[in-house]
C-alpha atoms as a PDB file:
ATOM      1  CA  MET A   1     110.961 101.085  79.214  1.00  0.00           C
ATOM      2  CA  GLY A   2     113.425 103.570  80.653  1.00  0.00           C
ATOM      3  CA  LYS A   3     116.463 102.736  82.742  1.00  0.00           C
ATOM      4  CA  ARG A   4     115.834 100.866  86.018  1.00  0.00           C
ATOM      5  CA  VAL A   5     118.405 100.383  88.775  1.00  0.00           C
ATOM      6  CA  HIS A   6     118.733  97.655  91.358  1.00  0.00           C
ATOM      7  CA  ASN A   7     116.805  99.335  94.160  1.00  0.00           C
ATOM      8  CA  PHE A   8     118.059  98.858  97.734  1.00  0.00           C
ATOM      9  CA  ASN A   9     116.083 101.751  99.265  1.00  0.00           C
ATOM     10  CA  ALA A  10     114.693 101.171 102.757  1.00  0.00           C
ATOM     11  CA  GLY A  11     111.293 102.725 102.109  1.00  0.00           C
ATOM     12  CA  PRO A  12     109.657 103.784  99.892  1.00  0.00           C
ATOM     13  CA  ALA A  13     111.237 100.704  98.450  1.00  0.00           C
ATOM     14  CA  ALA A  14     111.288  98.452  95.417  1.00  0.00           C
ATOM     15  CA  LEU A  15     108.021  97.160  93.988  1.00  0.00           C
ATOM     16  CA  PRO A  16     107.838  94.059  91.773  1.00  0.00           C
ATOM     17  CA  LEU A  17     108.284  94.971  88.124  1.00  0.00           C
ATOM     18  CA  PRO A  18     105.208  92.937  87.038  1.00  0.00           C
ATOM     19  CA  VAL A  19     103.138  94.977  89.492  1.00  0.00           C
ATOM     20  CA  LEU A  20     104.405  98.258  88.064  1.00  0.00           C
ATOM     21  CA  GLU A  21     103.710  97.028  84.555  1.00  0.00           C
ATOM     22  CA  GLU A  22     100.156  96.032  85.478  1.00  0.00           C
ATOM     23  CA  ILE A  23      99.584  99.451  87.052  1.00  0.00           C
ATOM     24  CA  GLN A  24     100.911 101.073  83.886  1.00  0.00           C
ATOM     25  CA  GLU A  25      98.643  98.953  81.703  1.00  0.00           C
ATOM     26  CA  GLU A  26      95.522  99.750  83.741  1.00  0.00           C
ATOM     27  CA  MET A  27      96.283 103.357  84.570  1.00  0.00           C
ATOM     28  CA  LEU A  28      93.983 104.976  82.003  1.00  0.00           C
ATOM     29  CA  ASP A  29      91.231 102.353  81.916  1.00  0.00           C
ATOM     30  CA  PHE A  30      90.772 100.273  85.055  1.00  0.00           C
ATOM     31  CA  LYS A  31      88.898  97.007  84.394  1.00  0.00           C
ATOM     32  CA  GLY A  32      86.938  98.511  81.506  1.00  0.00           C
ATOM     33  CA  SER A  33      85.582 101.361  83.613  1.00  0.00           C
ATOM     34  CA  GLY A  34      86.880 104.042  81.270  1.00  0.00           C
ATOM     35  CA  MET A  35      88.497 105.630  84.338  1.00  0.00           C
ATOM     36  CA  SER A  36      91.817 105.339  86.131  1.00  0.00           C
ATOM     37  CA  ILE A  37      91.981 103.666  89.543  1.00  0.00           C
ATOM     38  CA  LEU A  38      92.821 107.216  90.641  1.00  0.00           C
ATOM     39  CA  GLU A  39      89.371 108.316  89.488  1.00  0.00           C
ATOM     40  CA  VAL A  40      86.908 105.527  90.305  1.00  0.00           C
ATOM     41  CA  SER A  41      84.620 106.003  93.283  1.00  0.00           C
ATOM     42  CA  HIS A  42      85.602 104.130  96.418  1.00  0.00           C
ATOM     43  CA  ARG A  43      81.887 103.232  96.643  1.00  0.00           C
ATOM     44  CA  SER A  44      81.903 101.572  93.231  1.00  0.00           C
ATOM     45  CA  LYS A  45      81.923  97.829  92.631  1.00  0.00           C
ATOM     46  CA  TRP A  46      85.314  98.234  90.941  1.00  0.00           C
ATOM     47  CA  PHE A  47      86.994  99.411  94.139  1.00  0.00           C
ATOM     48  CA  ASP A  48      84.838  97.203  96.349  1.00  0.00           C
ATOM     49  CA  ASP A  49      86.318  94.228  94.508  1.00  0.00           C
ATOM     50  CA  VAL A  50      89.851  95.595  94.984  1.00  0.00           C
ATOM     51  CA  ILE A  51      89.663  96.037  98.743  1.00  0.00           C
ATOM     52  CA  ASN A  52      87.846  92.758  99.327  1.00  0.00           C
ATOM     53  CA  GLU A  53      90.404  90.914  97.251  1.00  0.00           C
ATOM     54  CA  ALA A  54      93.261  92.546  99.187  1.00  0.00           C
ATOM     55  CA  VAL A  55      91.701  91.406 102.460  1.00  0.00           C
ATOM     56  CA  GLU A  56      91.160  87.861 101.205  1.00  0.00           C
ATOM     57  CA  ARG A  57      94.682  87.569  99.791  1.00  0.00           C
ATOM     58  CA  THR A  58      96.120  88.770 103.113  1.00  0.00           C
ATOM     59  CA  LYS A  59      94.107  86.192 105.017  1.00  0.00           C
ATOM     60  CA  LYS A  60      95.128  83.420 102.637  1.00  0.00           C
ATOM     61  CA  LEU A  61      98.838  84.250 102.643  1.00  0.00           C
ATOM     62  CA  LEU A  62      99.013  84.578 106.442  1.00  0.00           C
ATOM     63  CA  ASP A  63      96.541  81.780 107.149  1.00  0.00           C
ATOM     64  CA  LEU A  64      94.248  84.110 109.116  1.00  0.00           C
ATOM     65  CA  GLY A  65      91.018  82.714 110.504  1.00  0.00           C
ATOM     66  CA  ASP A  66      87.669  84.456 110.773  1.00  0.00           C
ATOM     67  CA  ASP A  67      88.772  85.825 114.164  1.00  0.00           C
ATOM     68  CA  PHE A  68      90.964  88.458 112.445  1.00  0.00           C
ATOM     69  CA  HIS A  69      90.022  91.677 110.648  1.00  0.00           C
ATOM     70  CA  VAL A  70      92.280  93.200 107.966  1.00  0.00           C
ATOM     71  CA  VAL A  71      91.956  96.970 107.572  1.00  0.00           C
ATOM     72  CA  PHE A  72      93.839  99.796 105.860  1.00  0.00           C
ATOM     73  CA  ILE A  73      94.458 102.993 107.816  1.00  0.00           C
ATOM     74  CA  GLN A  74      96.032 106.191 106.495  1.00  0.00           C
ATOM     75  CA  GLY A  75      99.036 107.623 108.309  1.00  0.00           C
ATOM     76  CA  GLY A  76     101.443 104.713 108.094  1.00  0.00           C
ATOM     77  CA  ALA A  77     102.975 102.944 111.079  1.00  0.00           C
ATOM     78  CA  SER A  78     103.674 106.217 112.894  1.00  0.00           C
ATOM     79  CA  LEU A  79      99.965 106.833 113.487  1.00  0.00           C
ATOM     80  CA  GLN A  80      99.683 103.318 114.896  1.00  0.00           C
ATOM     81  CA  PHE A  81     102.198 104.199 117.617  1.00  0.00           C
ATOM     82  CA  CYS A  82      99.523 106.360 119.258  1.00  0.00           C
ATOM     83  CA  MET A  83      96.401 104.452 118.169  1.00  0.00           C
ATOM     84  CA  ILE A  84      97.503 101.209 119.824  1.00  0.00           C
ATOM     85  CA  PRO A  85      97.703 102.457 123.441  1.00  0.00           C
ATOM     86  CA  MET A  86      94.670 104.662 122.839  1.00  0.00           C
ATOM     87  CA  ASN A  87      92.577 101.653 121.769  1.00  0.00           C
ATOM     88  CA  LEU A  88      94.089  98.629 123.470  1.00  0.00           C
ATOM     89  CA  ALA A  89      95.547  99.623 126.844  1.00  0.00           C
ATOM     90  CA  LEU A  90      93.547  98.460 129.856  1.00  0.00           C
ATOM     91  CA  GLU A  91      92.867 100.308 133.096  1.00  0.00           C
ATOM     92  CA  ASN A  92      95.237  99.407 135.944  1.00  0.00           C
ATOM     93  CA  LYS A  93      97.358  97.216 133.664  1.00  0.00           C
ATOM     94  CA  PRO A  94     100.835  98.083 132.372  1.00  0.00           C
ATOM     95  CA  VAL A  95     101.738  97.978 128.688  1.00  0.00           C
ATOM     96  CA  ASP A  96     104.989  96.120 128.076  1.00  0.00           C
ATOM     97  CA  PHE A  97     107.593  96.873 125.430  1.00  0.00           C
ATOM     98  CA  ILE A  98     110.791  95.288 124.202  1.00  0.00           C
ATOM     99  CA  ASP A  99     113.001  98.081 122.919  1.00  0.00           C
ATOM    100  CA  THR A 100     115.097  97.113 119.896  1.00  0.00           C
ATOM    101  CA  GLY A 101     115.759 100.565 118.496  1.00  0.00           C
ATOM    102  CA  THR A 102     114.284 103.574 116.765  1.00  0.00           C
ATOM    103  CA  TRP A 103     110.787 102.336 115.914  1.00  0.00           C
ATOM    104  CA  SER A 104     110.041 100.641 119.221  1.00  0.00           C
ATOM    105  CA  THR A 105     111.481 103.705 120.974  1.00  0.00           C
ATOM    106  CA  LYS A 106     109.010 105.916 119.101  1.00  0.00           C
ATOM    107  CA  ALA A 107     106.131 103.608 120.061  1.00  0.00           C
ATOM    108  CA  ILE A 108     107.191 103.775 123.706  1.00  0.00           C
ATOM    109  CA  LYS A 109     107.250 107.570 123.557  1.00  0.00           C
ATOM    110  CA  GLU A 110     103.681 107.737 122.203  1.00  0.00           C
ATOM    111  CA  ALA A 111     102.351 105.461 124.955  1.00  0.00           C
ATOM    112  CA  LYS A 112     104.065 107.592 127.611  1.00  0.00           C
ATOM    113  CA  ILE A 113     102.567 110.787 126.144  1.00  0.00           C
ATOM    114  CA  GLN A 114      99.130 109.307 126.869  1.00  0.00           C
ATOM    115  CA  GLY A 115     100.100 108.610 130.470  1.00  0.00           C
ATOM    116  CA  LYS A 116     100.071 104.813 130.109  1.00  0.00           C
ATOM    117  CA  ASP A 117     101.922 102.652 132.608  1.00  0.00           C
ATOM    118  CA  VAL A 118     104.815 101.710 130.321  1.00  0.00           C
ATOM    119  CA  ARG A 119     107.223  98.909 131.243  1.00  0.00           C
ATOM    120  CA  VAL A 120     110.285  98.237 129.112  1.00  0.00           C
ATOM    121  CA  ILE A 121     110.928  94.619 130.024  1.00  0.00           C
ATOM    122  CA  ALA A 122     113.993  94.223 127.792  1.00  0.00           C
ATOM    123  CA  SER A 123     116.237  96.411 125.668  1.00  0.00           C
ATOM    124  CA  SER A 124     119.286  96.062 123.449  1.00  0.00           C
ATOM    125  CA  GLU A 125     120.332  99.688 123.954  1.00  0.00           C
ATOM    126  CA  ASP A 126     123.368  98.546 125.967  1.00  0.00           C
ATOM    127  CA  ARG A 127     125.052  97.330 122.755  1.00  0.00           C
ATOM    128  CA  ASN A 128     123.721 100.020 120.435  1.00  0.00           C
ATOM    129  CA  TYR A 129     120.705  97.912 119.446  1.00  0.00           C
ATOM    130  CA  SER A 130     122.901  95.400 117.622  1.00  0.00           C
ATOM    131  CA  TYR A 131     120.962  92.372 118.850  1.00  0.00           C
ATOM    132  CA  ILE A 132     117.522  91.067 119.793  1.00  0.00           C
ATOM    133  CA  PRO A 133     117.157  90.515 123.584  1.00  0.00           C
ATOM    134  CA  ASN A 134     116.343  87.030 124.834  1.00  0.00           C
ATOM    135  CA  ASP A 135     116.689  87.424 128.594  1.00  0.00           C
ATOM    136  CA  PHE A 136     113.250  88.550 129.744  1.00  0.00           C
ATOM    137  CA  LYS A 137     109.974  87.296 131.143  1.00  0.00           C
ATOM    138  CA  VAL A 138     106.508  88.412 130.072  1.00  0.00           C
ATOM    139  CA  ASP A 139     104.313  88.891 133.154  1.00  0.00           C
ATOM    140  CA  ASP A 140     100.682  87.928 132.744  1.00  0.00           C
ATOM    141  CA  ASP A 141      99.497  91.223 134.284  1.00  0.00           C
ATOM    142  CA  ALA A 142     100.371  93.170 131.102  1.00  0.00           C
ATOM    143  CA  ALA A 143      97.657  94.529 128.803  1.00  0.00           C
ATOM    144  CA  TYR A 144      99.840  93.611 125.846  1.00  0.00           C
ATOM    145  CA  LEU A 145     103.450  93.137 124.763  1.00  0.00           C
ATOM    146  CA  HIS A 146     104.697  95.411 121.958  1.00  0.00           C
ATOM    147  CA  ILE A 147     107.618  94.392 119.757  1.00  0.00           C
ATOM    148  CA  THR A 148     109.117  95.502 116.445  1.00  0.00           C
ATOM    149  CA  SER A 149     109.763  92.432 114.327  1.00  0.00           C
ATOM    150  CA  ASN A 150     112.513  93.971 112.175  1.00  0.00           C
ATOM    151  CA  ASN A 151     114.584  97.111 112.678  1.00  0.00           C
ATOM    152  CA  THR A 152     115.369  98.743 109.351  1.00  0.00           C
ATOM    153  CA  ILE A 153     117.964 101.109 110.797  1.00  0.00           C
ATOM    154  CA  LYS A 154     119.971  98.715 112.967  1.00  0.00           C
ATOM    155  CA  GLY A 155     119.523  95.643 110.763  1.00  0.00           C
ATOM    156  CA  THR A 156     118.127  93.289 113.421  1.00  0.00           C
ATOM    157  CA  GLN A 157     115.164  90.917 113.252  1.00  0.00           C
ATOM    158  CA  TRP A 158     113.352  88.516 115.549  1.00  0.00           C
ATOM    159  CA  ALA A 159     114.261  85.036 114.313  1.00  0.00           C
ATOM    160  CA  GLN A 160     111.701  83.553 116.723  1.00  0.00           C
ATOM    161  CA  PHE A 161     108.902  85.576 118.271  1.00  0.00           C
ATOM    162  CA  PRO A 162     108.762  85.697 122.087  1.00  0.00           C
ATOM    163  CA  GLU A 163     106.624  83.447 124.232  1.00  0.00           C
ATOM    164  CA  SER A 164     103.970  85.646 125.833  1.00  0.00           C
ATOM    165  CA  GLY A 165     101.495  83.217 127.369  1.00  0.00           C
ATOM    166  CA  ASP A 166      98.019  84.758 127.372  1.00  0.00           C
ATOM    167  CA  VAL A 167      99.360  88.283 126.871  1.00  0.00           C
ATOM    168  CA  PRO A 168      98.597  89.381 123.288  1.00  0.00           C
ATOM    169  CA  ILE A 169     101.570  90.445 121.203  1.00  0.00           C
ATOM    170  CA  ILE A 170     101.279  93.742 119.342  1.00  0.00           C
ATOM    171  CA  CYS A 171     103.809  93.836 116.517  1.00  0.00           C
ATOM    172  CA  ASP A 172     105.156  96.439 114.144  1.00  0.00           C
ATOM    173  CA  MET A 173     105.914  94.343 111.026  1.00  0.00           C
ATOM    174  CA  SER A 174     106.373  97.273 108.690  1.00  0.00           C
ATOM    175  CA  SER A 175     109.600  96.024 107.156  1.00  0.00           C
ATOM    176  CA  ASP A 176     109.169  92.249 107.078  1.00  0.00           C
ATOM    177  CA  ILE A 177     105.464  91.502 106.731  1.00  0.00           C
ATOM    178  CA  MET A 178     104.816  88.913 104.002  1.00  0.00           C
ATOM    179  CA  SER A 179     108.491  87.906 103.982  1.00  0.00           C
ATOM    180  CA  ARG A 180     108.073  84.604 105.869  1.00  0.00           C
ATOM    181  CA  ARG A 181     105.559  82.295 107.507  1.00  0.00           C
ATOM    182  CA  PHE A 182     104.746  82.598 111.223  1.00  0.00           C
ATOM    183  CA  ASP A 183     102.037  81.561 113.672  1.00  0.00           C
ATOM    184  CA  VAL A 184      99.535  84.427 113.957  1.00  0.00           C
ATOM    185  CA  ARG A 185      97.695  83.055 116.990  1.00  0.00           C
ATOM    186  CA  PRO A 186      99.699  84.881 119.718  1.00  0.00           C
ATOM    187  CA  PHE A 187      99.198  88.258 118.029  1.00  0.00           C
ATOM    188  CA  GLY A 188      96.444  90.624 119.098  1.00  0.00           C
ATOM    189  CA  LEU A 189      97.378  93.168 116.447  1.00  0.00           C
ATOM    190  CA  ILE A 190      99.910  93.379 113.624  1.00  0.00           C
ATOM    191  CA  TYR A 191     100.563  96.612 111.790  1.00  0.00           C
ATOM    192  CA  ALA A 192     102.739  97.464 108.820  1.00  0.00           C
ATOM    193  CA  GLY A 193     103.436 100.677 106.981  1.00  0.00           C
ATOM    194  CA  ALA A 194     103.008  99.596 103.374  1.00  0.00           C
ATOM    195  CA  GLN A 195     106.003 101.346 101.841  1.00  0.00           C
ATOM    196  CA  LYS A 196     108.695  98.837 102.751  1.00  0.00           C
ATOM    197  CA  ASN A 197     107.473  95.426 101.665  1.00  0.00           C
ATOM    198  CA  ILE A 198     103.915  95.542 100.321  1.00  0.00           C
ATOM    199  CA  GLY A 199     103.173  98.821  98.542  1.00  0.00           C
ATOM    200  CA  PRO A 200     103.554 102.623  98.358  1.00  0.00           C
ATOM    201  CA  SER A 201     103.725 104.983 101.328  1.00  0.00           C
ATOM    202  CA  GLY A 202     100.779 106.531 103.149  1.00  0.00           C
ATOM    203  CA  THR A 203      98.815 103.596 104.557  1.00  0.00           C
ATOM    204  CA  ALA A 204      99.246 100.908 107.203  1.00  0.00           C
ATOM    205  CA  MET A 205      97.852  97.431 106.887  1.00  0.00           C
ATOM    206  CA  VAL A 206      96.419  96.533 110.290  1.00  0.00           C
ATOM    207  CA  ILE A 207      95.487  92.982 111.242  1.00  0.00           C
ATOM    208  CA  ILE A 208      93.492  92.910 114.460  1.00  0.00           C
ATOM    209  CA  ARG A 209      92.088  89.967 116.377  1.00  0.00           C
ATOM    210  CA  LYS A 210      88.394  90.459 116.950  1.00  0.00           C
ATOM    211  CA  ASP A 211      88.531  90.052 120.732  1.00  0.00           C
ATOM    212  CA  MET A 212      90.864  93.068 120.908  1.00  0.00           C
ATOM    213  CA  LEU A 213      88.073  95.270 119.566  1.00  0.00           C
ATOM    214  CA  ASP A 214      86.198  94.782 122.853  1.00  0.00           C
ATOM    215  CA  ARG A 215      88.819  97.039 124.438  1.00  0.00           C
ATOM    216  CA  VAL A 216      88.188 100.067 122.220  1.00  0.00           C
ATOM    217  CA  PRO A 217      86.901 102.938 124.414  1.00  0.00           C
ATOM    218  CA  ASP A 218      83.895 105.004 123.425  1.00  0.00           C
ATOM    219  CA  ASN A 219      85.530 108.302 124.296  1.00  0.00           C
ATOM    220  CA  ILE A 220      88.196 108.526 121.614  1.00  0.00           C
ATOM    221  CA  PRO A 221      87.800 110.222 118.216  1.00  0.00           C
ATOM    222  CA  THR A 222      85.914 108.204 115.615  1.00  0.00           C
ATOM    223  CA  MET A 223      88.754 108.162 113.107  1.00  0.00           C
ATOM    224  CA  LEU A 224      91.173 106.851 115.738  1.00  0.00           C
ATOM    225  CA  LYS A 225      89.057 103.821 116.664  1.00  0.00           C
ATOM    226  CA  TYR A 226      89.943 100.412 115.238  1.00  0.00           C
ATOM    227  CA  SER A 227      86.264  99.518 115.426  1.00  0.00           C
ATOM    228  CA  THR A 228      85.463 102.301 112.938  1.00  0.00           C
ATOM    229  CA  PHE A 229      87.681 100.685 110.320  1.00  0.00           C
ATOM    230  CA  SER A 230      86.701  97.087 111.047  1.00  0.00           C
ATOM    231  CA  GLU A 231      82.953  97.785 111.030  1.00  0.00           C
ATOM    232  CA  LYS A 232      83.099  99.710 107.747  1.00  0.00           C
ATOM    233  CA  ASN A 233      85.665  97.534 105.910  1.00  0.00           C
ATOM    234  CA  SER A 234      88.135 100.461 105.898  1.00  0.00           C
ATOM    235  CA  MET A 235      85.623 102.677 104.105  1.00  0.00           C
ATOM    236  CA  PHE A 236      84.175 104.906 106.819  1.00  0.00           C
ATOM    237  CA  ASN A 237      85.897 107.668 104.869  1.00  0.00           C
ATOM    238  CA  THR A 238      87.650 107.593 101.493  1.00  0.00           C
ATOM    239  CA  PRO A 239      90.580 105.169 101.747  1.00  0.00           C
ATOM    240  CA  ALA A 240      93.876 105.582  99.898  1.00  0.00           C
ATOM    241  CA  CYS A 241      92.516 103.778  96.844  1.00  0.00           C
ATOM    242  CA  MET A 242      95.710 103.729  94.766  1.00  0.00           C
ATOM    243  CA  ILE A 243      97.718 102.329  97.668  1.00  0.00           C
ATOM    244  CA  VAL A 244      95.220  99.577  98.460  1.00  0.00           C
ATOM    245  CA  TYR A 245      95.059  98.712  94.754  1.00  0.00           C
ATOM    246  CA  THR A 246      98.858  98.407  94.608  1.00  0.00           C
ATOM    247  CA  ILE A 247      98.985  96.336  97.793  1.00  0.00           C
ATOM    248  CA  ASN A 248      96.480  93.949  96.255  1.00  0.00           C
ATOM    249  CA  LEU A 249      98.657  93.560  93.156  1.00  0.00           C
ATOM    250  CA  VAL A 250     101.743  92.898  95.307  1.00  0.00           C
ATOM    251  CA  LEU A 251      99.830  90.224  97.230  1.00  0.00           C
ATOM    252  CA  LYS A 252      98.682  88.713  93.930  1.00  0.00           C
ATOM    253  CA  TRP A 253     102.318  88.612  92.761  1.00  0.00           C
ATOM    254  CA  LEU A 254     103.351  86.928  96.016  1.00  0.00           C
ATOM    255  CA  GLU A 255     100.645  84.329  95.721  1.00  0.00           C
ATOM    256  CA  GLU A 256     100.589  83.601  92.004  1.00  0.00           C
ATOM    257  CA  THR A 257     104.108  84.400  90.757  1.00  0.00           C
ATOM    258  CA  ILE A 258     106.278  83.627  93.783  1.00  0.00           C
ATOM    259  CA  GLY A 259     104.132  80.794  95.105  1.00  0.00           C
ATOM    260  CA  GLY A 260     103.383  81.968  98.649  1.00  0.00           C
ATOM    261  CA  LEU A 261     105.307  82.845 101.785  1.00  0.00           C
ATOM    262  CA  GLU A 262     107.271  79.617 102.160  1.00  0.00           C
ATOM    263  CA  LYS A 263     108.845  80.152  98.744  1.00  0.00           C
ATOM    264  CA  MET A 264     109.317  83.871  99.461  1.00  0.00           C
ATOM    265  CA  GLU A 265     111.137  83.068 102.701  1.00  0.00           C
ATOM    266  CA  GLU A 266     113.391  80.629 100.863  1.00  0.00           C
ATOM    267  CA  ILE A 267     114.336  83.329  98.358  1.00  0.00           C
ATOM    268  CA  ASN A 268     114.866  85.916 101.108  1.00  0.00           C
ATOM    269  CA  ARG A 269     117.184  83.601 103.032  1.00  0.00           C
ATOM    270  CA  GLU A 270     119.197  82.976  99.881  1.00  0.00           C
ATOM    271  CA  LYS A 271     119.569  86.703  99.205  1.00  0.00           C
ATOM    272  CA  ALA A 272     120.601  87.563 102.762  1.00  0.00           C
ATOM    273  CA  GLY A 273     122.929  84.563 102.919  1.00  0.00           C
ATOM    274  CA  MET A 274     124.882  85.828  99.914  1.00  0.00           C
ATOM    275  CA  LEU A 275     125.634  89.110 101.655  1.00  0.00           C
ATOM    276  CA  TYR A 276     126.309  87.781 105.145  1.00  0.00           C
ATOM    277  CA  ASP A 277     128.552  84.981 103.836  1.00  0.00           C
ATOM    278  CA  PHE A 278     130.519  87.603 101.943  1.00  0.00           C
ATOM    279  CA  PHE A 279     130.881  89.815 105.039  1.00  0.00           C
ATOM    280  CA  ASP A 280     132.044  86.870 107.134  1.00  0.00           C
ATOM    281  CA  GLN A 281     135.072  86.312 104.916  1.00  0.00           C
ATOM    282  CA  SER A 282     135.907  89.998 104.426  1.00  0.00           C
ATOM    283  CA  ASP A 283     138.059  92.244 106.607  1.00  0.00           C
ATOM    284  CA  PHE A 284     137.024  95.282 104.574  1.00  0.00           C
ATOM    285  CA  TYR A 285     133.228  95.175 105.086  1.00  0.00           C
ATOM    286  CA  GLN A 286     131.916  94.740 108.615  1.00  0.00           C
ATOM    287  CA  GLY A 287     128.324  93.889 109.463  1.00  0.00           C
ATOM    288  CA  THR A 288     126.890  95.886 112.360  1.00  0.00           C
ATOM    289  CA  THR A 289     124.587  93.283 113.949  1.00  0.00           C
ATOM    290  CA  GLU A 290     125.227  90.162 115.987  1.00  0.00           C
ATOM    291  CA  LYS A 291     124.927  86.997 113.918  1.00  0.00           C
ATOM    292  CA  ASP A 292     121.896  85.492 115.653  1.00  0.00           C
ATOM    293  CA  SER A 293     119.945  88.738 115.184  1.00  0.00           C
ATOM    294  CA  ARG A 294     120.728  89.483 111.541  1.00  0.00           C
ATOM    295  CA  SER A 295     117.859  90.806 109.448  1.00  0.00           C
ATOM    296  CA  LEU A 296     116.800  89.119 106.226  1.00  0.00           C
ATOM    297  CA  MET A 297     115.430  92.459 105.050  1.00  0.00           C
ATOM    298  CA  ASN A 298     117.951  95.186 105.947  1.00  0.00           C
ATOM    299  CA  VAL A 299     121.657  94.356 105.758  1.00  0.00           C
ATOM    300  CA  THR A 300     123.691  97.044 107.535  1.00  0.00           C
ATOM    301  CA  PHE A 301     127.471  97.335 107.233  1.00  0.00           C
ATOM    302  CA  ARG A 302     130.451  99.644 107.577  1.00  0.00           C
ATOM    303  CA  LEU A 303     133.621 100.235 105.587  1.00  0.00           C
ATOM    304  CA  PRO A 304     136.998 101.235 107.100  1.00  0.00           C
ATOM    305  CA  SER A 305     136.210 104.974 106.918  1.00  0.00           C
ATOM    306  CA  GLU A 306     133.328 107.348 106.297  1.00  0.00           C
ATOM    307  CA  ASP A 307     135.101 108.703 103.217  1.00  0.00           C
ATOM    308  CA  LEU A 308     135.221 105.203 101.751  1.00  0.00           C
ATOM    309  CA  GLU A 309     131.532 104.742 102.569  1.00  0.00           C
ATOM    310  CA  LYS A 310     130.629 107.898 100.657  1.00  0.00           C
ATOM    311  CA  LYS A 311     132.751 106.766  97.725  1.00  0.00           C
ATOM    312  CA  PHE A 312     131.184 103.289  97.861  1.00  0.00           C
ATOM    313  CA  VAL A 313     127.640 104.671  97.702  1.00  0.00           C
ATOM    314  CA  ALA A 314     128.489 107.085  94.875  1.00  0.00           C
ATOM    315  CA  GLU A 315     130.313 104.521  92.736  1.00  0.00           C
ATOM    316  CA  ALA A 316     127.634 101.896  93.358  1.00  0.00           C
ATOM    317  CA  LEU A 317     125.009 104.261  91.971  1.00  0.00           C
ATOM    318  CA  LYS A 318     127.082 104.684  88.799  1.00  0.00           C
ATOM    319  CA  GLU A 319     126.778 100.906  88.442  1.00  0.00           C
ATOM    320  CA  ASP A 320     122.980 101.079  88.820  1.00  0.00           C
ATOM    321  CA  LEU A 321     122.994  99.966  92.466  1.00  0.00           C
ATOM    322  CA  GLY A 322     120.832 102.535  94.257  1.00  0.00           C
ATOM    323  CA  GLY A 323     119.794 103.276  97.838  1.00  0.00           C
ATOM    324  CA  LEU A 324     122.852 101.937  99.691  1.00  0.00           C
ATOM    325  CA  LYS A 325     123.413 104.871 102.043  1.00  0.00           C
ATOM    326  CA  GLY A 326     122.758 104.040 105.704  1.00  0.00           C
ATOM    327  CA  HIS A 327     120.096 105.824 107.730  1.00  0.00           C
ATOM    328  CA  ARG A 328     121.065 109.375 108.625  1.00  0.00           C
ATOM    329  CA  SER A 329     120.941 108.569 112.359  1.00  0.00           C
ATOM    330  CA  VAL A 330     123.640 105.886 112.192  1.00  0.00           C
ATOM    331  CA  GLY A 331     125.582 106.400 108.971  1.00  0.00           C
ATOM    332  CA  GLY A 332     127.344 103.537 107.255  1.00  0.00           C
ATOM    333  CA  CYS A 333     125.751 101.546 104.456  1.00  0.00           C
ATOM    334  CA  ARG A 334     122.595  99.495 104.140  1.00  0.00           C
ATOM    335  CA  ALA A 335     121.172  97.161 101.531  1.00  0.00           C
ATOM    336  CA  SER A 336     117.432  96.717 101.952  1.00  0.00           C
ATOM    337  CA  ILE A 337     116.571  93.446 100.230  1.00  0.00           C
ATOM    338  CA  TYR A 338     112.821  93.274 100.571  1.00  0.00           C
ATOM    339  CA  ASN A 339     110.678  90.781  98.674  1.00  0.00           C
ATOM    340  CA  ALA A 340     110.752  92.759  95.418  1.00  0.00           C
ATOM    341  CA  THR A 341     114.557  93.004  95.307  1.00  0.00           C
ATOM    342  CA  GLY A 342     115.680  90.098  93.177  1.00  0.00           C
ATOM    343  CA  ILE A 343     118.531  87.650  93.554  1.00  0.00           C
ATOM    344  CA  ASP A 344     120.070  89.194  90.439  1.00  0.00           C
ATOM    345  CA  GLY A 345     120.333  92.527  92.245  1.00  0.00           C
ATOM    346  CA  VAL A 346     122.046  90.978  95.252  1.00  0.00           C
ATOM    347  CA  LYS A 347     124.493  89.128  92.997  1.00  0.00           C
ATOM    348  CA  ALA A 348     125.301  92.383  91.209  1.00  0.00           C
ATOM    349  CA  LEU A 349     125.881  94.087  94.558  1.00  0.00           C
ATOM    350  CA  VAL A 350     128.262  91.377  95.782  1.00  0.00           C
ATOM    351  CA  GLU A 351     130.193  91.512  92.511  1.00  0.00           C
ATOM    352  CA  PHE A 352     130.529  95.291  92.871  1.00  0.00           C
ATOM    353  CA  MET A 353     131.655  94.937  96.497  1.00  0.00           C
ATOM    354  CA  VAL A 354     134.351  92.450  95.499  1.00  0.00           C
ATOM    355  CA  GLU A 355     135.735  94.844  92.890  1.00  0.00           C
ATOM    356  CA  PHE A 356     135.500  97.852  95.215  1.00  0.00           C
ATOM    357  CA  GLU A 357     137.439  95.999  97.909  1.00  0.00           C
ATOM    358  CA  LYS A 358     140.142  95.014  95.411  1.00  0.00           C
ATOM    359  CA  LYS A 359     140.531  98.645  94.407  1.00  0.00           C
ATOM    360  CA  GLU A 360     140.240 100.333  97.811  1.00  0.00           C
ATOM    361  CA  GLY A 361     141.130  97.621 100.349  1.00  0.00           C
END
C-alpha cells in the first residue's frame, strides 16, 4: 500500500481504510459476477442486494420504523435545498428556518427563489455564526422547521435538537449523520450529502417520513419528486451505483466493526475532547465557536496571524497531517474529524500542535 496521510479534509473526506480495502478487493470481480461494481446493471440482483442492504442498515443504525423511506438522490445536499420547499411547503403556511451559517443560508435562498413565505425565526449571524441559537419559539402554523445540524465552516453543532411540537423538522445532516444517536420521531425529512461522513460525493441520502409524501404536488418535474424515488426504491433512473455501494460498506463498518452509533458517538466525543481540551489551555490556538455549540465533527481554530496559519498548514502536511486549511470564506484552520478519522490521527495532530507552538509561540 502506498503512503496514506491522516486526512482532516471537510469533504470529500476520509473513508474507513477497511472500506477502501474491500472496494479494492472487489473492484474487478464484484461478488463473483466477473464484473466491477462500476459495470454491473443497476437492474441486476447484485445491485438490488446492495441498495436494499444499504436501506436496511440505515434503518437499523438509526432505529427507523416502517413509517420512514430511505432513498438516494443524485446532486448532493445542494439539490435538496430546492427540492424540499418544492415538495413539502404547504399553501398559505410559512416555512421556518433557523439560520446557523452558510448551508442554512443557501437553503433559505432556494426557498425564497420559489416565492415561499420564508420566516427566519432565529439566527446566529449577530456573532458571526459562532453559536447555535436557543432563544426562539416554533409556531404551530409553520409547514416545517428547517435546521442544519452541523456547520462545517463555522464549527458549530446542535447538541440538542429543538422542540418543534407538531411541526416536522427538516434537517440537513450532511456532516454529522451516523455520528451519534438521536430520536428520529420529530423529523419529517433528513438529508445528507454523502461525501462528509458516509461515502463519496455526488449523492444525498434522504430519509423521509411517509406522511410527508402526501404533500408532494403533481405539477413538479418527475425527477424532482420525492415520491418518484420512494416508489421506485431510488431506481426510477440509474442511481449512482458506486456511491451507494460505498455507503453500504461504510454502514457495514459502522455496524460490525465499530459496534453501532452509541460506540461511534463515544469515540467522536473522545476525539473532539482531545482538541478542545488542548485549545482551552493554549493562548496560541484559539477556537472560533462558543463552548456550548462546539462541533464534534469540524474543529475550527485560529493562530495569532494568517502567516502562521499558512505555515502551520504547510508544515502539518509535511508531517502527513492533511486537509487542515480553513474554508476559503472564513480562513483560519479546521480539523474535520468525521467517523473515519481515527483517534491516532487526532493524537498525532495534537502532538504536532504542541511542537509547533513551542517553536512559533
